[in-house]
């Protein structure tokens, strides 16, 4: 338990618990609605927001938050107005946002290590301010899921019927994508923009292999997310490996074990 003696690890573990629970919860909607590629698109778009924030002197996480939300609503608006699938809208906005972030790198003077930390993750970079922001964002995510639980459930399983029933599907879809954006920003410091999409998919996909009841799946996915993020952080501390890849590899290993277990019990 020696890792608990380090302040940066204490912060990372607290942030990790929030990230795992938030990503695991929102990830259920992402997996069931088929938004996996959208999660990756928003995650890479967040890097464009970080680059803009660095360039104009803003807080990087604030820049990532604003830009990710704009992209999330842009996906919802474009897919409905242009009558195209969300994946097509993501393909346009994802490539544009990532290209913008890389383009802006050429205008940033001085070391770019901090900026790359948002791309690949860095537990050493989790500050007290980031921790407060993580609590706020996680609170927003959980409250939104709590108050819009029934509505989100309806648009995930049958958006067409939800529209016929009078639900504001476009608004709800934008809200759901906004939760994905908030979860992405919440996870940037620890796993980075490149790997954050894995946290939105793997815990929920693992839970989906074990249970079919939606309520149980949400709870189990959140628990798996917490276990994988905290476990990955501890392993990366002792092996001196990058936190993001370690977390994702642990998540993928657990998913593989569950698949083998499921196959062996059929």
C-alpha atoms as a PDB file:
ATOM      1  CA  UNK A   1       0.000   0.000   0.000  1.00  0.00           C
ATOM      2  CA  UNK A   2       3.053   2.264  -0.255  1.00  0.00           C
ATOM      3  CA  UNK A   3       1.537   4.058  -3.268  1.00  0.00           C
ATOM      4  CA  UNK A   4      -0.978   5.714  -0.931  1.00  0.00           C
ATOM      5  CA  UNK A   5       1.860   7.752   0.573  1.00  0.00           C
ATOM      6  CA  UNK A   6       2.187   9.781  -2.618  1.00  0.00           C
ATOM      7  CA  UNK A   7      -0.122  12.766  -3.051  1.00  0.00           C
ATOM      8  CA  UNK A   8      -0.219  12.420  -6.841  1.00  0.00           C
ATOM      9  CA  UNK A   9      -1.377   8.806  -6.499  1.00  0.00           C
ATOM     10  CA  UNK A  10      -4.055   9.784  -3.981  1.00  0.00           C
ATOM     11  CA  UNK A  11      -5.387  12.331  -6.451  1.00  0.00           C
ATOM     12  CA  UNK A  12      -5.137   9.899  -9.350  1.00  0.00           C
ATOM     13  CA  UNK A  13      -6.990   7.158  -7.463  1.00  0.00           C
ATOM     14  CA  UNK A  14      -9.824   9.503  -6.479  1.00  0.00           C
ATOM     15  CA  UNK A  15     -10.045  10.784 -10.034  1.00  0.00           C
ATOM     16  CA  UNK A  16      -9.820   7.191 -11.259  1.00  0.00           C
ATOM     17  CA  UNK A  17     -12.809   6.120  -9.170  1.00  0.00           C
ATOM     18  CA  UNK A  18     -14.865   9.018 -10.563  1.00  0.00           C
ATOM     19  CA  UNK A  19     -13.724   8.284 -14.103  1.00  0.00           C
ATOM     20  CA  UNK A  20     -14.414   4.555 -13.869  1.00  0.00           C
ATOM     21  CA  UNK A  21     -17.888   5.036 -12.415  1.00  0.00           C
ATOM     22  CA  UNK A  22     -18.827   7.815 -14.837  1.00  0.00           C
ATOM     23  CA  UNK A  23     -17.462   6.089 -17.941  1.00  0.00           C
ATOM     24  CA  UNK A  24     -18.989   2.767 -16.917  1.00  0.00           C
ATOM     25  CA  UNK A  25     -22.419   4.339 -16.460  1.00  0.00           C
ATOM     26  CA  UNK A  26     -22.466   6.403 -19.652  1.00  0.00           C
ATOM     27  CA  UNK A  27     -20.762   3.571 -21.523  1.00  0.00           C
ATOM     28  CA  UNK A  28     -23.857   1.385 -21.234  1.00  0.00           C
ATOM     29  CA  UNK A  29     -25.812   3.887 -23.325  1.00  0.00           C
ATOM     30  CA  UNK A  30     -22.870   4.232 -25.720  1.00  0.00           C
ATOM     31  CA  UNK A  31     -22.653   0.480 -26.314  1.00  0.00           C
ATOM     32  CA  UNK A  32     -26.392  -0.198 -26.563  1.00  0.00           C
ATOM     33  CA  UNK A  33     -27.043   2.824 -28.795  1.00  0.00           C
ATOM     34  CA  UNK A  34     -24.077   1.998 -31.041  1.00  0.00           C
ATOM     35  CA  UNK A  35     -22.208   5.215 -30.189  1.00  0.00           C
ATOM     36  CA  UNK A  36     -18.776   3.608 -29.794  1.00  0.00           C
ATOM     37  CA  UNK A  37     -17.279   5.482 -32.743  1.00  0.00           C
ATOM     38  CA  UNK A  38     -18.909   8.694 -31.537  1.00  0.00           C
ATOM     39  CA  UNK A  39     -17.131   8.348 -28.194  1.00  0.00           C
ATOM     40  CA  UNK A  40     -13.814   8.058 -30.017  1.00  0.00           C
ATOM     41  CA  UNK A  41     -14.677  11.045 -32.201  1.00  0.00           C
ATOM     42  CA  UNK A  42     -15.528  13.310 -29.278  1.00  0.00           C
ATOM     43  CA  UNK A  43     -12.409  12.145 -27.429  1.00  0.00           C
ATOM     44  CA  UNK A  44     -10.147  13.171 -30.303  1.00  0.00           C
ATOM     45  CA  UNK A  45     -12.103  16.378 -30.785  1.00  0.00           C
ATOM     46  CA  UNK A  46     -11.320  17.249 -27.162  1.00  0.00           C
ATOM     47  CA  UNK A  47      -7.647  17.403 -28.124  1.00  0.00           C
ATOM     48  CA  UNK A  48      -8.488  20.222 -30.523  1.00  0.00           C
ATOM     49  CA  UNK A  49     -10.064  22.091 -27.611  1.00  0.00           C
ATOM     50  CA  UNK A  50      -6.947  21.555 -25.491  1.00  0.00           C
ATOM     51  CA  UNK A  51      -4.744  22.923 -28.276  1.00  0.00           C
ATOM     52  CA  UNK A  52      -6.931  26.032 -28.648  1.00  0.00           C
ATOM     53  CA  UNK A  53      -6.848  26.560 -24.871  1.00  0.00           C
ATOM     54  CA  UNK A  54      -3.043  26.341 -24.821  1.00  0.00           C
ATOM     55  CA  UNK A  55      -2.833  28.818 -27.669  1.00  0.00           C
ATOM     56  CA  UNK A  56      -5.096  31.472 -26.113  1.00  0.00           C
ATOM     57  CA  UNK A  57      -4.020  30.936 -22.503  1.00  0.00           C
ATOM     58  CA  UNK A  58      -7.204  29.239 -21.224  1.00  0.00           C
ATOM     59  CA  UNK A  59      -7.433  26.343 -18.801  1.00  0.00           C
ATOM     60  CA  UNK A  60      -6.914  23.242 -21.018  1.00  0.00           C
ATOM     61  CA  UNK A  61      -9.706  21.213 -19.439  1.00  0.00           C
ATOM     62  CA  UNK A  62     -12.117  24.117 -19.844  1.00  0.00           C
ATOM     63  CA  UNK A  63     -11.148  24.395 -23.497  1.00  0.00           C
ATOM     64  CA  UNK A  64     -11.626  20.651 -23.950  1.00  0.00           C
ATOM     65  CA  UNK A  65     -15.020  20.838 -22.242  1.00  0.00           C
ATOM     66  CA  UNK A  66     -16.338  23.687 -24.391  1.00  0.00           C
ATOM     67  CA  UNK A  67     -15.016  22.221 -27.634  1.00  0.00           C
ATOM     68  CA  UNK A  68     -16.252  18.690 -26.846  1.00  0.00           C
ATOM     69  CA  UNK A  69     -19.738  19.965 -26.061  1.00  0.00           C
ATOM     70  CA  UNK A  70     -19.799  21.966 -29.301  1.00  0.00           C
ATOM     71  CA  UNK A  71     -18.769  18.887 -31.274  1.00  0.00           C
ATOM     72  CA  UNK A  72     -21.335  16.706 -29.449  1.00  0.00           C
ATOM     73  CA  UNK A  73     -24.160  19.099 -30.310  1.00  0.00           C
ATOM     74  CA  UNK A  74     -22.734  19.495 -33.809  1.00  0.00           C
ATOM     75  CA  UNK A  75     -23.026  15.736 -34.299  1.00  0.00           C
ATOM     76  CA  UNK A  76     -26.628  15.710 -33.060  1.00  0.00           C
ATOM     77  CA  UNK A  77     -27.592  18.735 -35.191  1.00  0.00           C
ATOM     78  CA  UNK A  78     -25.817  17.606 -38.370  1.00  0.00           C
ATOM     79  CA  UNK A  79     -27.165  14.050 -38.228  1.00  0.00           C
ATOM     80  CA  UNK A  80     -30.760  15.282 -37.923  1.00  0.00           C
ATOM     81  CA  UNK A  81     -30.623  18.285 -40.261  1.00  0.00           C
ATOM     82  CA  UNK A  82     -28.629  16.607 -43.006  1.00  0.00           C
ATOM     83  CA  UNK A  83     -30.518  13.298 -42.622  1.00  0.00           C
ATOM     84  CA  UNK A  84     -27.269  11.341 -42.292  1.00  0.00           C
ATOM     85  CA  UNK A  85     -26.166   8.815 -39.704  1.00  0.00           C
ATOM     86  CA  UNK A  86     -24.307   9.957 -36.597  1.00  0.00           C
ATOM     87  CA  UNK A  87     -21.204   8.041 -37.734  1.00  0.00           C
ATOM     88  CA  UNK A  88     -20.970  10.194 -40.869  1.00  0.00           C
ATOM     89  CA  UNK A  89     -21.273  13.403 -38.856  1.00  0.00           C
ATOM     90  CA  UNK A  90     -18.596  12.084 -36.481  1.00  0.00           C
ATOM     91  CA  UNK A  91     -16.299  11.293 -39.398  1.00  0.00           C
ATOM     92  CA  UNK A  92     -16.501  14.910 -40.583  1.00  0.00           C
ATOM     93  CA  UNK A  93     -16.212  16.604 -37.189  1.00  0.00           C
ATOM     94  CA  UNK A  94     -13.682  14.120 -35.777  1.00  0.00           C
ATOM     95  CA  UNK A  95     -11.217  14.585 -38.637  1.00  0.00           C
ATOM     96  CA  UNK A  96     -11.692  18.360 -38.661  1.00  0.00           C
ATOM     97  CA  UNK A  97     -11.218  18.734 -34.896  1.00  0.00           C
ATOM     98  CA  UNK A  98      -8.155  16.502 -34.731  1.00  0.00           C
ATOM     99  CA  UNK A  99      -6.608  18.238 -37.731  1.00  0.00           C
ATOM    100  CA  UNK A 100      -7.255  21.597 -36.067  1.00  0.00           C
ATOM    101  CA  UNK A 101      -5.509  20.466 -32.893  1.00  0.00           C
ATOM    102  CA  UNK A 102      -2.449  19.208 -34.767  1.00  0.00           C
ATOM    103  CA  UNK A 103      -2.416  22.335 -36.957  1.00  0.00           C
ATOM    104  CA  UNK A 104      -2.423  24.593 -33.893  1.00  0.00           C
ATOM    105  CA  UNK A 105       0.547  22.733 -32.439  1.00  0.00           C
ATOM    106  CA  UNK A 106       2.776  24.571 -34.909  1.00  0.00           C
ATOM    107  CA  UNK A 107       1.784  27.914 -33.342  1.00  0.00           C
ATOM    108  CA  UNK A 108       2.459  26.868 -29.725  1.00  0.00           C
ATOM    109  CA  UNK A 109       5.897  28.049 -28.604  1.00  0.00           C
ATOM    110  CA  UNK A 110       7.982  26.292 -25.988  1.00  0.00           C
ATOM    111  CA  UNK A 111       7.675  22.747 -24.597  1.00  0.00           C
ATOM    112  CA  UNK A 112       4.644  20.732 -25.651  1.00  0.00           C
ATOM    113  CA  UNK A 113       4.958  18.001 -23.017  1.00  0.00           C
ATOM    114  CA  UNK A 114       1.871  19.197 -21.120  1.00  0.00           C
ATOM    115  CA  UNK A 115      -0.165  19.204 -24.303  1.00  0.00           C
ATOM    116  CA  UNK A 116       0.933  15.670 -25.165  1.00  0.00           C
ATOM    117  CA  UNK A 117      -0.095  14.638 -21.651  1.00  0.00           C
ATOM    118  CA  UNK A 118      -3.693  15.328 -22.671  1.00  0.00           C
ATOM    119  CA  UNK A 119      -3.203  13.156 -25.738  1.00  0.00           C
ATOM    120  CA  UNK A 120      -1.742  10.129 -23.942  1.00  0.00           C
ATOM    121  CA  UNK A 121      -2.664  10.709 -20.286  1.00  0.00           C
ATOM    122  CA  UNK A 122      -0.478  11.458 -17.267  1.00  0.00           C
ATOM    123  CA  UNK A 123      -1.420  10.684 -13.661  1.00  0.00           C
ATOM    124  CA  UNK A 124       1.266  13.092 -12.446  1.00  0.00           C
ATOM    125  CA  UNK A 125      -0.731  15.936 -14.005  1.00  0.00           C
ATOM    126  CA  UNK A 126      -3.865  15.456 -11.876  1.00  0.00           C
ATOM    127  CA  UNK A 127      -3.928  18.620  -9.748  1.00  0.00           C
ATOM    128  CA  UNK A 128      -6.243  19.645  -6.908  1.00  0.00           C
ATOM    129  CA  UNK A 129      -8.073  21.904  -9.343  1.00  0.00           C
ATOM    130  CA  UNK A 130      -8.545  19.024 -11.773  1.00  0.00           C
ATOM    131  CA  UNK A 131      -9.895  16.928  -8.916  1.00  0.00           C
ATOM    132  CA  UNK A 132     -12.511  19.546  -8.046  1.00  0.00           C
ATOM    133  CA  UNK A 133     -13.528  19.766 -11.707  1.00  0.00           C
ATOM    134  CA  UNK A 134     -13.726  15.963 -11.825  1.00  0.00           C
ATOM    135  CA  UNK A 135     -16.142  15.938  -8.884  1.00  0.00           C
ATOM    136  CA  UNK A 136     -18.299  18.603 -10.552  1.00  0.00           C
ATOM    137  CA  UNK A 137     -18.391  16.866 -13.934  1.00  0.00           C
ATOM    138  CA  UNK A 138     -19.035  13.449 -12.367  1.00  0.00           C
ATOM    139  CA  UNK A 139     -21.874  14.958 -10.333  1.00  0.00           C
ATOM    140  CA  UNK A 140     -23.447  16.396 -13.486  1.00  0.00           C
ATOM    141  CA  UNK A 141     -23.172  13.036 -15.262  1.00  0.00           C
ATOM    142  CA  UNK A 142     -24.759  11.042 -12.428  1.00  0.00           C
ATOM    143  CA  UNK A 143     -27.553  13.567 -11.832  1.00  0.00           C
ATOM    144  CA  UNK A 144     -28.392  13.688 -15.546  1.00  0.00           C
ATOM    145  CA  UNK A 145     -28.580   9.890 -15.740  1.00  0.00           C
ATOM    146  CA  UNK A 146     -30.711   9.829 -12.585  1.00  0.00           C
ATOM    147  CA  UNK A 147     -33.240  12.417 -13.770  1.00  0.00           C
ATOM    148  CA  UNK A 148     -33.343  11.351 -17.429  1.00  0.00           C
ATOM    149  CA  UNK A 149     -33.048   7.611 -16.837  1.00  0.00           C
ATOM    150  CA  UNK A 150     -36.374   6.670 -18.430  1.00  0.00           C
ATOM    151  CA  UNK A 151     -35.981   9.064 -21.362  1.00  0.00           C
ATOM    152  CA  UNK A 152     -32.453   7.860 -22.176  1.00  0.00           C
ATOM    153  CA  UNK A 153     -33.610   4.258 -21.921  1.00  0.00           C
ATOM    154  CA  UNK A 154     -36.402   4.952 -24.429  1.00  0.00           C
ATOM    155  CA  UNK A 155     -34.205   6.632 -27.061  1.00  0.00           C
ATOM    156  CA  UNK A 156     -31.512   3.959 -26.723  1.00  0.00           C
ATOM    157  CA  UNK A 157     -33.798   1.021 -27.432  1.00  0.00           C
ATOM    158  CA  UNK A 158     -36.417   2.579 -29.723  1.00  0.00           C
ATOM    159  CA  UNK A 159     -35.776   6.186 -30.825  1.00  0.00           C
ATOM    160  CA  UNK A 160     -38.471   5.964 -33.493  1.00  0.00           C
ATOM    161  CA  UNK A 161     -41.170   4.988 -31.014  1.00  0.00           C
ATOM    162  CA  UNK A 162     -39.882   7.622 -28.585  1.00  0.00           C
ATOM    163  CA  UNK A 163     -40.432  10.284 -31.243  1.00  0.00           C
ATOM    164  CA  UNK A 164     -43.937   8.996 -31.951  1.00  0.00           C
ATOM    165  CA  UNK A 165     -44.654   9.077 -28.213  1.00  0.00           C
ATOM    166  CA  UNK A 166     -43.776  12.771 -28.117  1.00  0.00           C
ATOM    167  CA  UNK A 167     -40.312  12.650 -26.584  1.00  0.00           C
ATOM    168  CA  UNK A 168     -37.900  15.395 -27.789  1.00  0.00           C
ATOM    169  CA  UNK A 169     -35.542  12.850 -29.341  1.00  0.00           C
ATOM    170  CA  UNK A 170     -33.186  15.417 -30.849  1.00  0.00           C
ATOM    171  CA  UNK A 171     -32.801  17.237 -27.542  1.00  0.00           C
ATOM    172  CA  UNK A 172     -32.366  14.006 -25.595  1.00  0.00           C
ATOM    173  CA  UNK A 173     -29.820  12.707 -28.079  1.00  0.00           C
ATOM    174  CA  UNK A 174     -27.888  15.954 -27.745  1.00  0.00           C
ATOM    175  CA  UNK A 175     -28.028  15.599 -23.951  1.00  0.00           C
ATOM    176  CA  UNK A 176     -26.745  12.024 -24.154  1.00  0.00           C
ATOM    177  CA  UNK A 177     -23.882  13.067 -26.429  1.00  0.00           C
ATOM    178  CA  UNK A 178     -23.128  15.902 -23.993  1.00  0.00           C
ATOM    179  CA  UNK A 179     -22.764  13.318 -21.223  1.00  0.00           C
ATOM    180  CA  UNK A 180     -20.306  11.442 -23.438  1.00  0.00           C
ATOM    181  CA  UNK A 181     -18.375  14.705 -23.891  1.00  0.00           C
ATOM    182  CA  UNK A 182     -18.337  15.359 -20.131  1.00  0.00           C
ATOM    183  CA  UNK A 183     -17.070  11.838 -19.480  1.00  0.00           C
ATOM    184  CA  UNK A 184     -14.342  12.295 -22.081  1.00  0.00           C
ATOM    185  CA  UNK A 185     -13.131  15.526 -20.451  1.00  0.00           C
ATOM    186  CA  UNK A 186     -13.307  13.855 -17.033  1.00  0.00           C
ATOM    187  CA  UNK A 187     -10.946  11.120 -18.277  1.00  0.00           C
ATOM    188  CA  UNK A 188      -8.418  13.171 -20.242  1.00  0.00           C
ATOM    189  CA  UNK A 189      -5.837  13.641 -17.489  1.00  0.00           C
ATOM    190  CA  UNK A 190      -5.543   9.967 -16.595  1.00  0.00           C
ATOM    191  CA  UNK A 191      -5.933   8.061 -19.875  1.00  0.00           C
ATOM    192  CA  UNK A 192      -5.644  10.757 -22.553  1.00  0.00           C
ATOM    193  CA  UNK A 193      -7.687  11.505 -25.652  1.00  0.00           C
ATOM    194  CA  UNK A 194      -6.264   8.566 -27.613  1.00  0.00           C
ATOM    195  CA  UNK A 195      -7.480   5.888 -25.190  1.00  0.00           C
ATOM    196  CA  UNK A 196     -10.439   7.472 -23.406  1.00  0.00           C
ATOM    197  CA  UNK A 197     -12.934   5.908 -25.826  1.00  0.00           C
ATOM    198  CA  UNK A 198     -11.922   2.484 -24.496  1.00  0.00           C
ATOM    199  CA  UNK A 199     -13.308   3.391 -21.058  1.00  0.00           C
ATOM    200  CA  UNK A 200     -16.650   4.188 -22.659  1.00  0.00           C
ATOM    201  CA  UNK A 201     -16.844   0.799 -24.354  1.00  0.00           C
ATOM    202  CA  UNK A 202     -14.924  -1.999 -22.611  1.00  0.00           C
ATOM    203  CA  UNK A 203     -16.504  -1.919 -19.093  1.00  0.00           C
ATOM    204  CA  UNK A 204     -20.013  -1.757 -20.577  1.00  0.00           C
ATOM    205  CA  UNK A 205     -19.201  -4.473 -23.123  1.00  0.00           C
ATOM    206  CA  UNK A 206     -17.864  -6.659 -20.295  1.00  0.00           C
ATOM    207  CA  UNK A 207     -21.001  -6.109 -18.211  1.00  0.00           C
ATOM    208  CA  UNK A 208     -23.141  -6.898 -21.264  1.00  0.00           C
ATOM    209  CA  UNK A 209     -21.545 -10.359 -21.432  1.00  0.00           C
ATOM    210  CA  UNK A 210     -22.523 -11.076 -17.828  1.00  0.00           C
ATOM    211  CA  UNK A 211     -26.037  -9.641 -17.423  1.00  0.00           C
ATOM    212  CA  UNK A 212     -28.946  -8.695 -19.670  1.00  0.00           C
ATOM    213  CA  UNK A 213     -31.037  -6.722 -17.179  1.00  0.00           C
ATOM    214  CA  UNK A 214     -30.475  -3.029 -17.964  1.00  0.00           C
ATOM    215  CA  UNK A 215     -30.422  -1.819 -14.355  1.00  0.00           C
ATOM    216  CA  UNK A 216     -27.938  -4.510 -13.322  1.00  0.00           C
ATOM    217  CA  UNK A 217     -25.844  -3.771 -16.398  1.00  0.00           C
ATOM    218  CA  UNK A 218     -25.490  -0.076 -15.472  1.00  0.00           C
ATOM    219  CA  UNK A 219     -24.460  -0.913 -11.895  1.00  0.00           C
ATOM    220  CA  UNK A 220     -22.055  -3.676 -12.939  1.00  0.00           C
ATOM    221  CA  UNK A 221     -20.491  -1.572 -15.693  1.00  0.00           C
ATOM    222  CA  UNK A 222     -19.813   1.266 -13.227  1.00  0.00           C
ATOM    223  CA  UNK A 223     -18.222  -1.175 -10.754  1.00  0.00           C
ATOM    224  CA  UNK A 224     -16.077  -2.751 -13.482  1.00  0.00           C
ATOM    225  CA  UNK A 225     -15.007   0.709 -14.648  1.00  0.00           C
ATOM    226  CA  UNK A 226     -13.855   1.671 -11.135  1.00  0.00           C
ATOM    227  CA  UNK A 227     -12.027  -1.657 -10.700  1.00  0.00           C
ATOM    228  CA  UNK A 228     -10.235  -1.377 -14.039  1.00  0.00           C
ATOM    229  CA  UNK A 229      -9.132   2.251 -13.682  1.00  0.00           C
ATOM    230  CA  UNK A 230      -7.899   1.921 -10.093  1.00  0.00           C
ATOM    231  CA  UNK A 231      -6.311  -1.469 -10.808  1.00  0.00           C
ATOM    232  CA  UNK A 232      -4.573  -0.089 -13.881  1.00  0.00           C
ATOM    233  CA  UNK A 233      -3.246   2.909 -11.955  1.00  0.00           C
ATOM    234  CA  UNK A 234      -1.793   0.692  -9.227  1.00  0.00           C
ATOM    235  CA  UNK A 235      -0.201  -1.664 -11.757  1.00  0.00           C
ATOM    236  CA  UNK A 236       1.279   1.264 -13.703  1.00  0.00           C
ATOM    237  CA  UNK A 237       2.733   2.670 -10.466  1.00  0.00           C
ATOM    238  CA  UNK A 238       4.620  -0.519  -9.614  1.00  0.00           C
ATOM    239  CA  UNK A 239       5.638  -1.412 -13.169  1.00  0.00           C
ATOM    240  CA  UNK A 240       6.505   2.223 -14.015  1.00  0.00           C
ATOM    241  CA  UNK A 241       4.404   2.075 -17.181  1.00  0.00           C
ATOM    242  CA  UNK A 242       2.104   4.714 -18.753  1.00  0.00           C
ATOM    243  CA  UNK A 243      -1.202   4.811 -16.895  1.00  0.00           C
ATOM    244  CA  UNK A 244      -3.507   5.064 -19.927  1.00  0.00           C
ATOM    245  CA  UNK A 245      -2.277   2.017 -21.853  1.00  0.00           C
ATOM    246  CA  UNK A 246      -2.033  -0.017 -18.634  1.00  0.00           C
ATOM    247  CA  UNK A 247      -5.664   0.710 -17.760  1.00  0.00           C
ATOM    248  CA  UNK A 248      -6.873  -0.159 -21.257  1.00  0.00           C
ATOM    249  CA  UNK A 249      -4.830  -3.383 -21.400  1.00  0.00           C
ATOM    250  CA  UNK A 250      -6.211  -4.456 -18.017  1.00  0.00           C
ATOM    251  CA  UNK A 251      -9.740  -3.679 -19.237  1.00  0.00           C
ATOM    252  CA  UNK A 252      -9.210  -5.654 -22.433  1.00  0.00           C
ATOM    253  CA  UNK A 253      -7.746  -8.584 -20.463  1.00  0.00           C
ATOM    254  CA  UNK A 254     -10.765  -8.698 -18.174  1.00  0.00           C
ATOM    255  CA  UNK A 255     -13.077  -8.536 -21.189  1.00  0.00           C
ATOM    256  CA  UNK A 256     -11.179 -11.451 -22.766  1.00  0.00           C
ATOM    257  CA  UNK A 257     -11.415 -13.507 -19.567  1.00  0.00           C
ATOM    258  CA  UNK A 258     -15.158 -12.908 -19.383  1.00  0.00           C
ATOM    259  CA  UNK A 259     -15.551 -14.031 -22.994  1.00  0.00           C
ATOM    260  CA  UNK A 260     -13.600 -17.230 -22.257  1.00  0.00           C
ATOM    261  CA  UNK A 261     -15.669 -17.833 -19.121  1.00  0.00           C
ATOM    262  CA  UNK A 262     -18.912 -17.299 -21.010  1.00  0.00           C
ATOM    263  CA  UNK A 263     -17.770 -19.669 -23.781  1.00  0.00           C
ATOM    264  CA  UNK A 264     -16.764 -22.313 -21.258  1.00  0.00           C
ATOM    265  CA  UNK A 265     -20.129 -22.224 -19.494  1.00  0.00           C
ATOM    266  CA  UNK A 266     -22.331 -22.506 -22.593  1.00  0.00           C
END
